[in-house]
Amino acid sequence: MLLTKPSCECCDRDLAPDSTEARICSFECTWCAACAEHCLGGVCPNCGGSMVPRPPRAADRLADHPASTERVHQPGLHRGD
C-alpha cells in the first residue's frame, strides 16, 4: 500500500489523498505536477527515477487505510542544483 504523503517535497503544496496533481517515483518521493514537470524535469532528484501520477486513494478506504501525515519538504530542490 502506498504511503500517500500529504504534500509536495519541493514546494510543500498540500496534496490530498485523492489529488490528481500528485506525482511519485518508485521510492514514493512525492511531488506536485507543476514541480515534477517544471522544476525537476520529470526526474526524481532523490533516486534518479521517473515520476508517474500517484493513484488516488478512494475516500471509503481512508478510514481503515489513512494517508500519511508525514510532510517531507526539501526547499530549493531543482534539477541541476
Protein backbone atom coordinates (compact mmCIF):
# COMPACT_ATOMS: atom_id res chain seq x y z
CA MET A 1 0.00 0.00 0.00
CA LEU A 2 1.31 3.47 -0.91
CA LEU A 3 2.11 5.92 1.89
CA THR A 4 0.16 8.68 0.12
CA LYS A 5 2.23 11.56 1.50
CA PRO A 6 0.31 14.80 2.13
CA SER A 7 2.48 17.35 0.33
CA CYS A 8 4.95 18.18 -2.43
CA GLU A 9 8.54 17.70 -1.31
CA CYS A 10 9.65 20.70 -3.39
CA CYS A 11 7.08 23.47 -2.75
CA ASP A 12 5.21 21.96 0.25
CA ARG A 13 1.85 22.27 -1.55
CA ASP A 14 -0.92 20.19 0.03
CA LEU A 15 -1.79 17.05 -1.95
CA ALA A 16 -4.99 15.38 -0.80
CA PRO A 17 -5.18 11.56 -0.94
CA ASP A 18 -7.45 11.85 -3.99
CA SER A 19 -5.39 14.53 -5.76
CA THR A 20 -4.78 14.04 -9.46
CA GLU A 21 -1.87 16.51 -9.21
CA ALA A 22 0.41 14.20 -7.16
CA ARG A 23 3.41 12.54 -8.80
CA ILE A 24 5.58 9.80 -7.27
CA CYS A 25 8.74 7.87 -8.12
CA SER A 26 9.43 4.21 -7.32
CA PHE A 27 10.61 5.22 -3.81
CA GLU A 28 7.36 7.19 -3.24
CA CYS A 29 9.04 10.58 -3.22
CA THR A 30 6.05 12.87 -3.75
CA TRP A 31 5.80 15.99 -5.91
CA CYS A 32 3.04 18.18 -7.31
CA ALA A 33 2.61 18.05 -11.09
CA ALA A 34 3.98 21.58 -11.56
CA CYS A 35 7.21 20.93 -9.64
CA ALA A 36 7.63 17.48 -11.21
CA GLU A 37 7.46 18.97 -14.69
CA HIS A 38 8.88 22.48 -14.42
CA CYS A 39 11.38 22.29 -11.54
CA LEU A 40 12.53 18.69 -11.75
CA GLY A 41 12.12 17.81 -15.42
CA GLY A 42 10.23 14.61 -14.63
CA VAL A 43 13.23 13.03 -12.87
CA CYS A 44 13.32 12.47 -9.10
CA PRO A 45 16.35 14.25 -7.62
CA ASN A 46 16.50 11.73 -4.78
CA CYS A 47 16.64 8.47 -6.73
CA GLY A 48 17.04 9.48 -10.39
CA GLY A 49 13.83 7.66 -11.33
CA SER A 50 10.94 8.85 -13.42
CA MET A 51 7.76 10.25 -11.91
CA VAL A 52 4.25 8.99 -12.58
CA PRO A 53 0.79 10.08 -11.44
CA ARG A 54 0.03 8.80 -7.93
CA PRO A 55 -3.10 6.64 -7.83
CA PRO A 56 -5.79 8.35 -5.74
CA ARG A 57 -6.90 6.67 -2.53
CA ALA A 58 -10.65 6.06 -2.53
CA ALA A 59 -12.44 8.06 0.17
CA ASP A 60 -14.19 4.96 1.54
CA ARG A 61 -10.77 3.35 2.20
CA LEU A 62 -9.25 6.24 4.16
CA ALA A 63 -10.81 5.26 7.50
CA ASP A 64 -9.12 1.85 7.53
CA HIS A 65 -6.07 2.88 5.49
CA PRO A 66 -5.31 6.55 6.24
CA ALA A 67 -2.88 8.58 4.20
CA SER A 68 0.45 9.50 5.75
CA THR A 69 0.63 12.74 7.73
CA GLU A 70 4.44 12.98 7.49
CA ARG A 71 5.43 16.01 5.45
CA VAL A 72 8.78 15.94 3.64
CA HIS A 73 9.96 19.36 2.46
CA GLN A 74 13.23 19.95 0.65
CA PRO A 75 13.16 23.62 -0.39
CA GLY A 76 15.38 24.60 -3.27
CA LEU A 77 15.27 21.21 -4.97
CA HIS A 78 15.58 21.82 -8.67
CA ARG A 79 17.15 19.88 -11.48
CA GLY A 80 20.83 20.79 -11.61
CA ASP A 81 21.04 22.11 -8.00
